Amino acid sequence: MGIVYLLGDNGKEGVYKIGVTTGKIENRIKKLQTGNSGEIYLVNSYQTDHPFVMEKMLHTKYFSDRSLGEWFELSFEEVVKFTETCEKIQKTINALKGNYFFNKKYNKKNDNLYE
């Protein structure tokens, strides 16, 4: 079990970090805040049994909007629909988690898609 999160940065309007944690989001934000001049804040989060797969799928979905690393330039509508997008991706994961090719592309050691 883990959490996929959407973080904002007061120093960079319209730029959001899509990431994952298996711990507390607050602790993750504290780690990211070190060395960052703008205040990082939680915009939204989604709990899932397959957080690393979902994170990778979100990064793929927003690939053309990538700013740097895991930071993306997202529209207001994309930010508002974050939960809805995660729910759709969760349905895809549930439908494909036994598929060999899907698992080969998206599986990480912390996500057992064969469960």
PDB file of N, CA and C in Angstrom:
ATOM      1  N   MET A   1       0.852  -1.184   0.000  1.00  0.00           N
ATOM      2  CA  MET A   1       0.000   0.000   0.000  1.00  0.00           C
ATOM      3  C   MET A   1       0.890   1.237   0.000  1.00  0.00           C
ATOM      4  N   GLY A   2       0.481   2.233  -0.733  1.00  0.00           N
ATOM      5  CA  GLY A   2       1.233   3.468  -0.809  1.00  0.00           C
ATOM      6  C   GLY A   2       0.347   4.602  -1.274  1.00  0.00           C
ATOM      7  N   ILE A   3       0.951   5.764  -1.398  1.00  0.00           N
ATOM      8  CA  ILE A   3       0.213   6.961  -1.778  1.00  0.00           C
ATOM      9  C   ILE A   3       0.906   7.633  -2.952  1.00  0.00           C
ATOM     10  N   VAL A   4       0.131   7.912  -3.981  1.00  0.00           N
ATOM     11  CA  VAL A   4       0.602   8.734  -5.090  1.00  0.00           C
ATOM     12  C   VAL A   4       0.132  10.151  -4.770  1.00  0.00           C
ATOM     13  N   TYR A   5       1.053  11.107  -4.869  1.00  0.00           N
ATOM     14  CA  TYR A   5       0.705  12.466  -4.459  1.00  0.00           C
ATOM     15  C   TYR A   5       0.957  13.468  -5.575  1.00  0.00           C
ATOM     16  N   LEU A   6       0.268  14.586  -5.444  1.00  0.00           N
ATOM     17  CA  LEU A   6       0.437  15.731  -6.320  1.00  0.00           C
ATOM     18  C   LEU A   6       0.818  16.893  -5.413  1.00  0.00           C
ATOM     19  N   LEU A   7       2.028  17.402  -5.598  1.00  0.00           N
ATOM     20  CA  LEU A   7       2.523  18.498  -4.778  1.00  0.00           C
ATOM     21  C   LEU A   7       2.675  19.756  -5.610  1.00  0.00           C
ATOM     22  N   GLY A   8       2.436  20.883  -4.983  1.00  0.00           N
ATOM     23  CA  GLY A   8       2.657  22.177  -5.613  1.00  0.00           C
ATOM     24  C   GLY A   8       3.849  22.863  -4.978  1.00  0.00           C
ATOM     25  N   ASP A   9       4.327  23.895  -5.638  1.00  0.00           N
ATOM     26  CA  ASP A   9       5.463  24.674  -5.150  1.00  0.00           C
ATOM     27  C   ASP A   9       5.089  26.146  -5.286  1.00  0.00           C
ATOM     28  N   ASN A  10       5.020  26.860  -4.159  1.00  0.00           N
ATOM     29  CA  ASN A  10       4.647  28.280  -4.197  1.00  0.00           C
ATOM     30  C   ASN A  10       5.576  29.108  -5.069  1.00  0.00           C
ATOM     31  N   GLY A  11       6.799  28.645  -5.277  1.00  0.00           N
ATOM     32  CA  GLY A  11       7.756  29.370  -6.095  1.00  0.00           C
ATOM     33  C   GLY A  11       7.603  29.114  -7.584  1.00  0.00           C
ATOM     34  N   LYS A  12       6.779  28.129  -7.957  1.00  0.00           N
ATOM     35  CA  LYS A  12       6.614  27.752  -9.369  1.00  0.00           C
ATOM     36  C   LYS A  12       5.134  27.502  -9.654  1.00  0.00           C
ATOM     37  N   GLU A  13       4.430  28.533  -9.991  1.00  0.00           N
ATOM     38  CA  GLU A  13       3.002  28.417 -10.265  1.00  0.00           C
ATOM     39  C   GLU A  13       2.749  27.543 -11.485  1.00  0.00           C
ATOM     40  N   GLY A  14       1.802  26.620 -11.360  1.00  0.00           N
ATOM     41  CA  GLY A  14       1.426  25.748 -12.473  1.00  0.00           C
ATOM     42  C   GLY A  14       2.318  24.546 -12.650  1.00  0.00           C
ATOM     43  N   VAL A  15       3.295  24.370 -11.766  1.00  0.00           N
ATOM     44  CA  VAL A  15       4.202  23.229 -11.844  1.00  0.00           C
ATOM     45  C   VAL A  15       3.946  22.334 -10.634  1.00  0.00           C
ATOM     46  N   TYR A  16       3.770  21.034 -10.894  1.00  0.00           N
ATOM     47  CA  TYR A  16       3.399  20.086  -9.847  1.00  0.00           C
ATOM     48  C   TYR A  16       4.276  18.844  -9.903  1.00  0.00           C
ATOM     49  N   LYS A  17       4.541  18.291  -8.724  1.00  0.00           N
ATOM     50  CA  LYS A  17       5.319  17.063  -8.630  1.00  0.00           C
ATOM     51  C   LYS A  17       4.369  15.896  -8.457  1.00  0.00           C
ATOM     52  N   ILE A  18       4.541  14.879  -9.292  1.00  0.00           N
ATOM     53  CA  ILE A  18       3.795  13.636  -9.149  1.00  0.00           C
ATOM     54  C   ILE A  18       4.784  12.615  -8.607  1.00  0.00           C
ATOM     55  N   GLY A  19       4.508  12.137  -7.411  1.00  0.00           N
ATOM     56  CA  GLY A  19       5.428  11.203  -6.773  1.00  0.00           C
ATOM     57  C   GLY A  19       4.692  10.166  -5.961  1.00  0.00           C
ATOM     58  N   VAL A  20       5.468   9.368  -5.233  1.00  0.00           N
ATOM     59  CA  VAL A  20       4.907   8.265  -4.457  1.00  0.00           C
ATOM     60  C   VAL A  20       5.652   8.148  -3.131  1.00  0.00           C
ATOM     61  N   THR A  21       4.921   7.704  -2.135  1.00  0.00           N
ATOM     62  CA  THR A  21       5.533   7.392  -0.843  1.00  0.00           C
ATOM     63  C   THR A  21       4.790   6.221  -0.221  1.00  0.00           C
ATOM     64  N   THR A  22       5.521   5.431   0.538  1.00  0.00           N
ATOM     65  CA  THR A  22       4.890   4.370   1.306  1.00  0.00           C
ATOM     66  C   THR A  22       4.820   4.768   2.777  1.00  0.00           C
ATOM     67  N   GLY A  23       5.297   5.960   3.079  1.00  0.00           N
ATOM     68  CA  GLY A  23       5.245   6.491   4.441  1.00  0.00           C
ATOM     69  C   GLY A  23       4.268   7.646   4.517  1.00  0.00           C
ATOM     70  N   LYS A  24       4.552   8.560   5.416  1.00  0.00           N
ATOM     71  CA  LYS A  24       3.694   9.733   5.587  1.00  0.00           C
ATOM     72  C   LYS A  24       4.070  10.811   4.570  1.00  0.00           C
ATOM     73  N   ILE A  25       3.059  11.408   3.985  1.00  0.00           N
ATOM     74  CA  ILE A  25       3.284  12.466   2.999  1.00  0.00           C
ATOM     75  C   ILE A  25       4.026  13.640   3.636  1.00  0.00           C
ATOM     76  N   GLU A  26       3.701  13.947   4.869  1.00  0.00           N
ATOM     77  CA  GLU A  26       4.338  15.068   5.556  1.00  0.00           C
ATOM     78  C   GLU A  26       5.857  14.884   5.616  1.00  0.00           C
ATOM     79  N   ASN A  27       6.292  13.652   5.874  1.00  0.00           N
ATOM     80  CA  ASN A  27       7.727  13.363   5.929  1.00  0.00           C
ATOM     81  C   ASN A  27       8.373  13.525   4.553  1.00  0.00           C
ATOM     82  N   ARG A  28       7.661  13.117   3.520  1.00  0.00           N
ATOM     83  CA  ARG A  28       8.180  13.254   2.155  1.00  0.00           C
ATOM     84  C   ARG A  28       8.314  14.730   1.788  1.00  0.00           C
ATOM     85  N   ILE A  29       7.322  15.520   2.147  1.00  0.00           N
ATOM     86  CA  ILE A  29       7.369  16.953   1.861  1.00  0.00           C
ATOM     87  C   ILE A  29       8.555  17.599   2.579  1.00  0.00           C
ATOM     88  N   LYS A  30       8.791  17.226   3.829  1.00  0.00           N
ATOM     89  CA  LYS A  30       9.927  17.778   4.578  1.00  0.00           C
ATOM     90  C   LYS A  30      11.245  17.482   3.877  1.00  0.00           C
ATOM     91  N   LYS A  31      11.396  16.260   3.349  1.00  0.00           N
ATOM     92  CA  LYS A  31      12.625  15.902   2.632  1.00  0.00           C
ATOM     93  C   LYS A  31      12.776  16.720   1.360  1.00  0.00           C
ATOM     94  N   LEU A  32      11.675  16.890   0.640  1.00  0.00           N
ATOM     95  CA  LEU A  32      11.722  17.651  -0.611  1.00  0.00           C
ATOM     96  C   LEU A  32      11.921  19.140  -0.361  1.00  0.00           C
ATOM     97  N   GLN A  33      11.446  19.622   0.765  1.00  0.00           N
ATOM     98  CA  GLN A  33      11.518  21.047   1.076  1.00  0.00           C
ATOM     99  C   GLN A  33      12.964  21.511   1.271  1.00  0.00           C
ATOM    100  N   THR A  34      13.814  20.617   1.761  1.00  0.00           N
ATOM    101  CA  THR A  34      15.220  20.960   1.987  1.00  0.00           C
ATOM    102  C   THR A  34      15.852  21.395   0.677  1.00  0.00           C
ATOM    103  N   GLY A  35      16.399  22.566   0.670  1.00  0.00           N
ATOM    104  CA  GLY A  35      17.061  23.081  -0.525  1.00  0.00           C
ATOM    105  C   GLY A  35      16.126  23.704  -1.547  1.00  0.00           C
ATOM    106  N   ASN A  36      14.840  23.774  -1.260  1.00  0.00           N
ATOM    107  CA  ASN A  36      13.875  24.363  -2.177  1.00  0.00           C
ATOM    108  C   ASN A  36      13.446  25.718  -1.627  1.00  0.00           C
ATOM    109  N   SER A  37      13.556  26.754  -2.417  1.00  0.00           N
ATOM    110  CA  SER A  37      13.233  28.101  -1.941  1.00  0.00           C
ATOM    111  C   SER A  37      11.738  28.361  -1.826  1.00  0.00           C
ATOM    112  N   GLY A  38      10.922  27.675  -2.633  1.00  0.00           N
ATOM    113  CA  GLY A  38       9.474  27.843  -2.555  1.00  0.00           C
ATOM    114  C   GLY A  38       8.871  26.816  -1.609  1.00  0.00           C
ATOM    115  N   GLU A  39       7.755  27.166  -0.989  1.00  0.00           N
ATOM    116  CA  GLU A  39       7.098  26.234  -0.076  1.00  0.00           C
ATOM    117  C   GLU A  39       6.387  25.149  -0.862  1.00  0.00           C
ATOM    118  N   ILE A  40       6.689  23.897  -0.540  1.00  0.00           N
ATOM    119  CA  ILE A  40       6.037  22.755  -1.177  1.00  0.00           C
ATOM    120  C   ILE A  40       4.809  22.392  -0.343  1.00  0.00           C
ATOM    121  N   TYR A  41       3.698  22.144  -1.020  1.00  0.00           N
ATOM    122  CA  TYR A  41       2.442  21.845  -0.322  1.00  0.00           C
ATOM    123  C   TYR A  41       1.691  20.732  -1.038  1.00  0.00           C
ATOM    124  N   LEU A  42       0.878  20.012  -0.282  1.00  0.00           N
ATOM    125  CA  LEU A  42       0.082  18.914  -0.820  1.00  0.00           C
ATOM    126  C   LEU A  42      -1.139  19.474  -1.540  1.00  0.00           C
ATOM    127  N   VAL A  43      -1.327  19.054  -2.778  1.00  0.00           N
ATOM    128  CA  VAL A  43      -2.495  19.442  -3.561  1.00  0.00           C
ATOM    129  C   VAL A  43      -3.542  18.336  -3.494  1.00  0.00           C
ATOM    130  N   ASN A  44      -3.095  17.091  -3.677  1.00  0.00           N
ATOM    131  CA  ASN A  44      -4.011  15.956  -3.682  1.00  0.00           C
ATOM    132  C   ASN A  44      -3.200  14.684  -3.495  1.00  0.00           C
ATOM    133  N   SER A  45      -3.884  13.594  -3.150  1.00  0.00           N
ATOM    134  CA  SER A  45      -3.222  12.298  -3.010  1.00  0.00           C
ATOM    135  C   SER A  45      -4.217  11.183  -3.295  1.00  0.00           C
ATOM    136  N   TYR A  46      -3.672   9.998  -3.593  1.00  0.00           N
ATOM    137  CA  TYR A  46      -4.508   8.847  -3.909  1.00  0.00           C
ATOM    138  C   TYR A  46      -3.833   7.605  -3.347  1.00  0.00           C
ATOM    139  N   GLN A  47      -4.546   6.856  -2.519  1.00  0.00           N
ATOM    140  CA  GLN A  47      -3.998   5.647  -1.914  1.00  0.00           C
ATOM    141  C   GLN A  47      -4.278   4.450  -2.823  1.00  0.00           C
ATOM    142  N   THR A  48      -3.265   3.593  -2.998  1.00  0.00           N
ATOM    143  CA  THR A  48      -3.390   2.452  -3.894  1.00  0.00           C
ATOM    144  C   THR A  48      -2.480   1.308  -3.446  1.00  0.00           C
ATOM    145  N   ASP A  49      -2.839   0.113  -3.856  1.00  0.00           N
ATOM    146  CA  ASP A  49      -1.995  -1.056  -3.596  1.00  0.00           C
ATOM    147  C   ASP A  49      -0.815  -1.116  -4.557  1.00  0.00           C
ATOM    148  N   HIS A  50      -0.857  -0.339  -5.623  1.00  0.00           N
ATOM    149  CA  HIS A  50       0.180  -0.372  -6.655  1.00  0.00           C
ATOM    150  C   HIS A  50       0.689   1.045  -6.944  1.00  0.00           C
ATOM    151  N   PRO A  51       1.275   1.699  -5.940  1.00  0.00           N
ATOM    152  CA  PRO A  51       1.661   3.105  -6.101  1.00  0.00           C
ATOM    153  C   PRO A  51       2.738   3.348  -7.143  1.00  0.00           C
ATOM    154  N   PHE A  52       3.701   2.448  -7.263  1.00  0.00           N
ATOM    155  CA  PHE A  52       4.806   2.679  -8.199  1.00  0.00           C
ATOM    156  C   PHE A  52       4.349   2.511  -9.651  1.00  0.00           C
ATOM    157  N   VAL A  53       3.430   1.575  -9.868  1.00  0.00           N
ATOM    158  CA  VAL A  53       2.864   1.398 -11.204  1.00  0.00           C
ATOM    159  C   VAL A  53       2.033   2.622 -11.577  1.00  0.00           C
ATOM    160  N   MET A  54       1.204   3.080 -10.638  1.00  0.00           N
ATOM    161  CA  MET A  54       0.368   4.256 -10.912  1.00  0.00           C
ATOM    162  C   MET A  54       1.229   5.489 -11.174  1.00  0.00           C
ATOM    163  N   GLU A  55       2.265   5.672 -10.378  1.00  0.00           N
ATOM    164  CA  GLU A  55       3.156   6.820 -10.588  1.00  0.00           C
ATOM    165  C   GLU A  55       3.754   6.779 -11.989  1.00  0.00           C
ATOM    166  N   LYS A  56       4.229   5.615 -12.386  1.00  0.00           N
ATOM    167  CA  LYS A  56       4.844   5.483 -13.715  1.00  0.00           C
ATOM    168  C   LYS A  56       3.821   5.769 -14.822  1.00  0.00           C
ATOM    169  N   MET A  57       2.595   5.303 -14.634  1.00  0.00           N
ATOM    170  CA  MET A  57       1.552   5.544 -15.635  1.00  0.00           C
ATOM    171  C   MET A  57       1.177   7.026 -15.696  1.00  0.00           C
ATOM    172  N   LEU A  58       1.150   7.697 -14.551  1.00  0.00           N
ATOM    173  CA  LEU A  58       0.885   9.142 -14.537  1.00  0.00           C
ATOM    174  C   LEU A  58       2.018   9.900 -15.223  1.00  0.00           C
ATOM    175  N   HIS A  59       3.253   9.505 -14.955  1.00  0.00           N
ATOM    176  CA  HIS A  59       4.398  10.149 -15.616  1.00  0.00           C
ATOM    177  C   HIS A  59       4.317   9.955 -17.128  1.00  0.00           C
ATOM    178  N   THR A  60       3.886   8.776 -17.556  1.00  0.00           N
ATOM    179  CA  THR A  60       3.728   8.513 -18.995  1.00  0.00           C
ATOM    180  C   THR A  60       2.611   9.372 -19.577  1.00  0.00           C
ATOM    181  N   LYS A  61       1.496   9.453 -18.866  1.00  0.00           N
ATOM    182  CA  LYS A  61       0.352  10.251 -19.337  1.00  0.00           C
ATOM    183  C   LYS A  61       0.733  11.717 -19.543  1.00  0.00           C
ATOM    184  N   TYR A  62       1.508  12.263 -18.618  1.00  0.00           N
ATOM    185  CA  TYR A  62       1.863  13.678 -18.670  1.00  0.00           C
ATOM    186  C   TYR A  62       3.274  13.917 -19.205  1.00  0.00           C
ATOM    187  N   PHE A  63       3.812  12.968 -19.937  1.00  0.00           N
ATOM    188  CA  PHE A  63       5.183  13.064 -20.450  1.00  0.00           C
ATOM    189  C   PHE A  63       5.442  14.372 -21.194  1.00  0.00           C
ATOM    190  N   SER A  64       4.511  14.773 -22.052  1.00  0.00           N
ATOM    191  CA  SER A  64       4.722  15.994 -22.844  1.00  0.00           C
ATOM    192  C   SER A  64       4.626  17.269 -22.001  1.00  0.00           C
ATOM    193  N   ASP A  65       4.154  17.138 -20.764  1.00  0.00           N
ATOM    194  CA  ASP A  65       4.034  18.285 -19.864  1.00  0.00           C
ATOM    195  C   ASP A  65       5.169  18.328 -18.837  1.00  0.00           C
ATOM    196  N   ARG A  66       6.153  17.448 -18.999  1.00  0.00           N
ATOM    197  CA  ARG A  66       7.257  17.367 -18.033  1.00  0.00           C
ATOM    198  C   ARG A  66       8.058  18.659 -18.044  1.00  0.00           C
ATOM    199  N   SER A  67       8.285  19.183 -16.848  1.00  0.00           N
ATOM    200  CA  SER A  67       9.102  20.379 -16.678  1.00  0.00           C
ATOM    201  C   SER A  67      10.539  19.959 -16.385  1.00  0.00           C
ATOM    202  N   LEU A  68      10.696  19.140 -15.345  1.00  0.00           N
ATOM    203  CA  LEU A  68      12.006  18.634 -14.953  1.00  0.00           C
ATOM    204  C   LEU A  68      11.790  17.465 -14.011  1.00  0.00           C
ATOM    205  N   GLY A  69      12.400  16.325 -14.296  1.00  0.00           N
ATOM    206  CA  GLY A  69      12.265  15.156 -13.428  1.00  0.00           C
ATOM    207  C   GLY A  69      10.820  14.753 -13.244  1.00  0.00           C
ATOM    208  N   GLU A  70      10.351  14.799 -12.002  1.00  0.00           N
ATOM    209  CA  GLU A  70       8.974  14.419 -11.686  1.00  0.00           C
ATOM    210  C   GLU A  70       8.060  15.637 -11.561  1.00  0.00           C
ATOM    211  N   TRP A  71       8.515  16.784 -12.065  1.00  0.00           N
ATOM    212  CA  TRP A  71       7.720  18.015 -12.038  1.00  0.00           C
ATOM    213  C   TRP A  71       7.085  18.235 -13.409  1.00  0.00           C
ATOM    214  N   PHE A  72       5.786  18.570 -13.391  1.00  0.00           N
ATOM    215  CA  PHE A  72       5.009  18.702 -14.619  1.00  0.00           C
ATOM    216  C   PHE A  72       4.237  20.013 -14.629  1.00  0.00           C
ATOM    217  N   GLU A  73       4.106  20.614 -15.801  1.00  0.00           N
ATOM    218  CA  GLU A  73       3.277  21.801 -15.985  1.00  0.00           C
ATOM    219  C   GLU A  73       1.871  21.322 -16.316  1.00  0.00           C
ATOM    220  N   LEU A  74       0.980  21.384 -15.333  1.00  0.00           N
ATOM    221  CA  LEU A  74      -0.376  20.877 -15.501  1.00  0.00           C
ATOM    222  C   LEU A  74      -1.382  22.016 -15.520  1.00  0.00           C
ATOM    223  N   SER A  75      -2.436  21.820 -16.282  1.00  0.00           N
ATOM    224  CA  SER A  75      -3.512  22.805 -16.327  1.00  0.00           C
ATOM    225  C   SER A  75      -4.353  22.696 -15.053  1.00  0.00           C
ATOM    226  N   PHE A  76      -5.129  23.717 -14.799  1.00  0.00           N
ATOM    227  CA  PHE A  76      -6.032  23.719 -13.645  1.00  0.00           C
ATOM    228  C   PHE A  76      -6.969  22.513 -13.711  1.00  0.00           C
ATOM    229  N   GLU A  77      -7.480  22.227 -14.906  1.00  0.00           N
ATOM    230  CA  GLU A  77      -8.408  21.103 -15.092  1.00  0.00           C
ATOM    231  C   GLU A  77      -7.733  19.768 -14.755  1.00  0.00           C
ATOM    232  N   GLU A  78      -6.474  19.595 -15.180  1.00  0.00           N
ATOM    233  CA  GLU A  78      -5.755  18.354 -14.879  1.00  0.00           C
ATOM    234  C   GLU A  78      -5.534  18.193 -13.380  1.00  0.00           C
ATOM    235  N   VAL A  79      -5.270  19.290 -12.705  1.00  0.00           N
ATOM    236  CA  VAL A  79      -5.084  19.258 -11.246  1.00  0.00           C
ATOM    237  C   VAL A  79      -6.398  18.890 -10.560  1.00  0.00           C
ATOM    238  N   VAL A  80      -7.489  19.505 -10.984  1.00  0.00           N
ATOM    239  CA  VAL A  80      -8.806  19.235 -10.391  1.00  0.00           C
ATOM    240  C   VAL A  80      -9.207  17.779 -10.615  1.00  0.00           C
ATOM    241  N   LYS A  81      -8.841  17.214 -11.753  1.00  0.00           N
ATOM    242  CA  LYS A  81      -9.242  15.848 -12.102  1.00  0.00           C
ATOM    243  C   LYS A  81      -8.220  14.790 -11.664  1.00  0.00           C
ATOM    244  N   PHE A  82      -7.290  15.147 -10.788  1.00  0.00           N
ATOM    245  CA  PHE A  82      -6.251  14.199 -10.369  1.00  0.00           C
ATOM    246  C   PHE A  82      -6.841  12.912  -9.793  1.00  0.00           C
ATOM    247  N   THR A  83      -7.797  13.013  -8.882  1.00  0.00           N
ATOM    248  CA  THR A  83      -8.411  11.819  -8.289  1.00  0.00           C
ATOM    249  C   THR A  83      -9.115  10.993  -9.352  1.00  0.00           C
ATOM    250  N   GLU A  84      -9.857  11.651 -10.219  1.00  0.00           N
ATOM    251  CA  GLU A  84     -10.562  10.951 -11.297  1.00  0.00           C
ATOM    252  C   GLU A  84      -9.573  10.230 -12.215  1.00  0.00           C
ATOM    253  N   THR A  85      -8.473  10.871 -12.531  1.00  0.00           N
ATOM    254  CA  THR A  85      -7.440  10.255 -13.367  1.00  0.00           C
ATOM    255  C   THR A  85      -6.843   9.037 -12.669  1.00  0.00           C
ATOM    256  N   CYS A  86      -6.569   9.162 -11.376  1.00  0.00           N
ATOM    257  CA  CYS A  86      -6.028   8.035 -10.616  1.00  0.00           C
ATOM    258  C   CYS A  86      -7.013   6.873 -10.569  1.00  0.00           C
ATOM    259  N   GLU A  87      -8.295   7.166 -10.423  1.00  0.00           N
ATOM    260  CA  GLU A  87      -9.317   6.114 -10.400  1.00  0.00           C
ATOM    261  C   GLU A  87      -9.361   5.375 -11.733  1.00  0.00           C
ATOM    262  N   LYS A  88      -9.247   6.088 -12.840  1.00  0.00           N
ATOM    263  CA  LYS A  88      -9.227   5.457 -14.165  1.00  0.00           C
ATOM    264  C   LYS A  88      -7.989   4.585 -14.322  1.00  0.00           C
ATOM    265  N   ILE A  89      -6.855   5.083 -13.870  1.00  0.00           N
ATOM    266  CA  ILE A  89      -5.616   4.301 -13.956  1.00  0.00           C
ATOM    267  C   ILE A  89      -5.721   3.062 -13.069  1.00  0.00           C
ATOM    268  N   GLN A  90      -6.342   3.194 -11.889  1.00  0.00           N
ATOM    269  CA  GLN A  90      -6.518   2.042 -10.995  1.00  0.00           C
ATOM    270  C   GLN A  90      -7.339   0.958 -11.683  1.00  0.00           C
ATOM    271  N   LYS A  91      -8.380   1.356 -12.401  1.00  0.00           N
ATOM    272  CA  LYS A  91      -9.200   0.383 -13.140  1.00  0.00           C
ATOM    273  C   LYS A  91      -8.362  -0.323 -14.206  1.00  0.00           C
ATOM    274  N   THR A  92      -7.503   0.416 -14.880  1.00  0.00           N
ATOM    275  CA  THR A  92      -6.617  -0.175 -15.885  1.00  0.00           C
ATOM    276  C   THR A  92      -5.663  -1.164 -15.233  1.00  0.00           C
ATOM    277  N   ILE A  93      -5.071  -0.779 -14.109  1.00  0.00           N
ATOM    278  CA  ILE A  93      -4.159  -1.675 -13.393  1.00  0.00           C
ATOM    279  C   ILE A  93      -4.891  -2.946 -12.991  1.00  0.00           C
ATOM    280  N   ASN A  94      -6.086  -2.809 -12.442  1.00  0.00           N
ATOM    281  CA  ASN A  94      -6.862  -3.974 -12.021  1.00  0.00           C
ATOM    282  C   ASN A  94      -7.169  -4.895 -13.191  1.00  0.00           C
ATOM    283  N   ALA A  95      -7.470  -4.322 -14.341  1.00  0.00           N
ATOM    284  CA  ALA A  95      -7.819  -5.123 -15.511  1.00  0.00           C
ATOM    285  C   ALA A  95      -6.603  -5.809 -16.130  1.00  0.00           C
ATOM    286  N   LEU A  96      -5.431  -5.192 -16.020  1.00  0.00           N
ATOM    287  CA  LEU A  96      -4.245  -5.707 -16.707  1.00  0.00           C
ATOM    288  C   LEU A  96      -3.189  -6.323 -15.801  1.00  0.00           C
ATOM    289  N   LYS A  97      -3.414  -6.361 -14.497  1.00  0.00           N
ATOM    290  CA  LYS A  97      -2.336  -6.751 -13.598  1.00  0.00           C
ATOM    291  C   LYS A  97      -1.857  -8.194 -13.775  1.00  0.00           C
ATOM    292  N   GLY A  98      -2.606  -9.058 -14.418  1.00  0.00           N
ATOM    293  CA  GLY A  98      -2.141 -10.409 -14.689  1.00  0.00           C
ATOM    294  C   GLY A  98      -1.484 -10.555 -16.052  1.00  0.00           C
ATOM    295  N   ASN A  99      -1.448  -9.486 -16.833  1.00  0.00           N
ATOM    296  CA  ASN A  99      -0.901  -9.518 -18.187  1.00  0.00           C
ATOM    297  C   ASN A  99       0.625  -9.434 -18.152  1.00  0.00           C
ATOM    298  N   TYR A 100       1.276 -10.403 -18.756  1.00  0.00           N
ATOM    299  CA  TYR A 100       2.746 -10.488 -18.730  1.00  0.00           C
ATOM    300  C   TYR A 100       3.399  -9.220 -19.271  1.00  0.00           C
ATOM    301  N   PHE A 101       2.946  -8.715 -20.410  1.00  0.00           N
ATOM    302  CA  PHE A 101       3.582  -7.559 -21.045  1.00  0.00           C
ATOM    303  C   PHE A 101       3.364  -6.278 -20.240  1.00  0.00           C
ATOM    304  N   PHE A 102       2.180  -6.129 -19.656  1.00  0.00           N
ATOM    305  CA  PHE A 102       1.911  -4.987 -18.789  1.00  0.00           C
ATOM    306  C   PHE A 102       2.841  -5.024 -17.581  1.00  0.00           C
ATOM    307  N   ASN A 103       2.974  -6.192 -16.977  1.00  0.00           N
ATOM    308  CA  ASN A 103       3.838  -6.337 -15.808  1.00  0.00           C
ATOM    309  C   ASN A 103       5.293  -6.078 -16.152  1.00  0.00           C
ATOM    310  N   LYS A 104       5.724  -6.525 -17.316  1.00  0.00           N
ATOM    311  CA  LYS A 104       7.108  -6.323 -17.730  1.00  0.00           C
ATOM    312  C   LYS A 104       7.418  -4.835 -17.868  1.00  0.00           C
ATOM    313  N   LYS A 105       6.457  -4.058 -18.380  1.00  0.00           N
ATOM    314  CA  LYS A 105       6.682  -2.628 -18.591  1.00  0.00           C
ATOM    315  C   LYS A 105       6.574  -1.828 -17.304  1.00  0.00           C
ATOM    316  N   TYR A 106       5.597  -2.141 -16.455  1.00  0.00           N
ATOM    317  CA  TYR A 106       5.288  -1.265 -15.331  1.00  0.00           C
ATOM    318  C   TYR A 106       5.666  -1.787 -13.952  1.00  0.00           C
ATOM    319  N   ASN A 107       5.951  -3.055 -13.809  1.00  0.00           N
ATOM    320  CA  ASN A 107       6.155  -3.603 -12.477  1.00  0.00           C
ATOM    321  C   ASN A 107       7.455  -3.136 -11.844  1.00  0.00           C
ATOM    322  N   LYS A 108       7.405  -2.851 -10.574  1.00  0.00           N
ATOM    323  CA  LYS A 108       8.584  -2.523  -9.769  1.00  0.00           C
ATOM    324  C   LYS A 108       8.644  -3.534  -8.631  1.00  0.00           C
ATOM    325  N   LYS A 109       9.788  -3.652  -8.006  1.00  0.00           N
ATOM    326  CA  LYS A 109       9.945  -4.662  -6.962  1.00  0.00           C
ATOM    327  C   LYS A 109       8.981  -4.485  -5.797  1.00  0.00           C
ATOM    328  N   ASN A 110       8.498  -3.285  -5.556  1.00  0.00           N
ATOM    329  CA  ASN A 110       7.579  -3.055  -4.441  1.00  0.00           C
ATOM    330  C   ASN A 110       6.108  -3.247  -4.812  1.00  0.00           C
ATOM    331  N   ASP A 111       5.821  -3.446  -6.082  1.00  0.00           N
ATOM    332  CA  ASP A 111       4.450  -3.654  -6.546  1.00  0.00           C
ATOM    333  C   ASP A 111       4.327  -5.074  -7.086  1.00  0.00           C
ATOM    334  N   ASN A 112       3.591  -5.901  -6.402  1.00  0.00           N
ATOM    335  CA  ASN A 112       3.377  -7.262  -6.896  1.00  0.00           C
ATOM    336  C   ASN A 112       2.045  -7.293  -7.622  1.00  0.00           C
ATOM    337  N   LEU A 113       2.093  -7.241  -8.928  1.00  0.00           N
ATOM    338  CA  LEU A 113       0.864  -7.190  -9.725  1.00  0.00           C
ATOM    339  C   LEU A 113       0.251  -8.555  -9.919  1.00  0.00           C
ATOM    340  N   TYR A 114       0.864  -9.591  -9.393  1.00  0.00           N
ATOM    341  CA  TYR A 114       0.304 -10.939  -9.518  1.00  0.00           C
ATOM    342  C   TYR A 114      -0.588 -11.299  -8.344  1.00  0.00           C
ATOM    343  N   GLU A 115      -0.754 -10.385  -7.404  1.00  0.00           N
ATOM    344  CA  GLU A 115      -1.611 -10.657  -6.241  1.00  0.00           C
ATOM    345  C   GLU A 115      -3.052 -10.572  -6.636  1.00  0.00           C
TER     346      GLU A 115
END
